[in-house]
Amino acid sequence: VMNAVEQDYRLPPPMDCPAVLHQLMLECWVKERNMRPRFGQIVSTLDKLLRNAASLKVLTSTHSG
């Protein structure tokens, strides 16, 4: 597991996950901790998403194969 993470492997988005939420997840998983969003930024982003529910309707595309 550690090798995969060190090689920048990240879990695929959950089924029916809005693209903006998956992007936020990826930002939180950035290897360099100083580049990750702070908790206040995460809360602010989630608040904006909840206020603009249309942005949550764009789902990530998951590819199986």
Protein backbone atom coordinates (compact mmCIF):
# COMPACT_ATOMS: atom_id res chain seq x y z
CA VAL A 1 0.00 0.00 0.00
CA MET A 2 2.76 2.42 0.93
CA ASN A 3 4.53 1.86 -2.40
CA ALA A 4 1.33 2.54 -4.32
CA VAL A 5 0.68 5.76 -2.41
CA GLU A 6 4.29 6.88 -2.83
CA GLN A 7 3.90 6.32 -6.57
CA ASP A 8 0.90 8.68 -6.55
CA TYR A 9 -1.77 5.99 -6.79
CA ARG A 10 -5.11 7.34 -5.64
CA LEU A 11 -8.38 5.52 -5.26
CA PRO A 12 -10.83 6.01 -8.10
CA PRO A 13 -13.89 8.11 -7.32
CA PRO A 14 -16.75 6.36 -5.57
CA MET A 15 -19.66 5.41 -7.80
CA ASP A 16 -21.87 8.43 -8.58
CA CYS A 17 -19.40 10.79 -6.93
CA PRO A 18 -19.74 14.39 -8.13
CA ALA A 19 -16.64 15.50 -10.03
CA VAL A 20 -16.09 18.50 -7.76
CA LEU A 21 -16.06 16.28 -4.67
CA HIS A 22 -13.58 13.91 -6.25
CA GLN A 23 -11.37 16.87 -7.14
CA LEU A 24 -11.50 18.00 -3.51
CA MET A 25 -10.55 14.48 -2.42
CA LEU A 26 -7.56 14.53 -4.76
CA GLU A 27 -6.48 17.91 -3.41
CA CYS A 28 -6.60 16.50 0.13
CA TRP A 29 -4.39 13.59 -0.95
CA VAL A 30 -1.57 15.71 -2.38
CA LYS A 31 1.73 14.29 -1.20
CA GLU A 32 3.14 17.65 -0.08
CA ARG A 33 1.16 18.56 3.03
CA ASN A 34 1.64 22.31 2.55
CA MET A 35 -0.14 22.05 -0.80
CA ARG A 36 -3.25 20.42 0.68
CA PRO A 37 -6.27 22.58 1.51
CA ARG A 38 -6.62 23.57 5.13
CA PHE A 39 -9.69 22.50 7.05
CA GLY A 40 -11.27 25.94 6.78
CA GLN A 41 -10.82 25.85 3.00
CA ILE A 42 -12.44 22.42 2.84
CA VAL A 43 -15.42 23.64 4.87
CA SER A 44 -15.74 26.72 2.67
CA THR A 45 -15.61 24.62 -0.51
CA LEU A 46 -18.23 22.21 0.79
CA ASP A 47 -20.45 25.10 1.87
CA LYS A 48 -20.25 26.64 -1.61
CA LEU A 49 -21.06 23.29 -3.19
CA LEU A 50 -24.10 22.85 -0.98
CA ARG A 51 -25.31 26.33 -1.90
CA ASN A 52 -24.89 25.52 -5.60
CA ALA A 53 -26.37 22.05 -5.80
CA ALA A 54 -26.20 22.06 -9.61
CA SER A 55 -22.42 21.72 -9.37
CA LEU A 56 -22.92 18.38 -7.64
CA LYS A 57 -24.83 16.93 -10.58
CA VAL A 58 -21.75 16.50 -12.77
CA LEU A 59 -20.52 13.02 -11.95
CA THR A 60 -17.05 11.65 -12.44
CA SER A 61 -16.70 9.08 -15.15
CA THR A 62 -15.48 5.75 -13.89
CA HIS A 63 -13.86 3.40 -16.31
CA SER A 64 -13.71 -0.29 -15.71
CA GLY A 65 -11.20 -2.38 -17.48
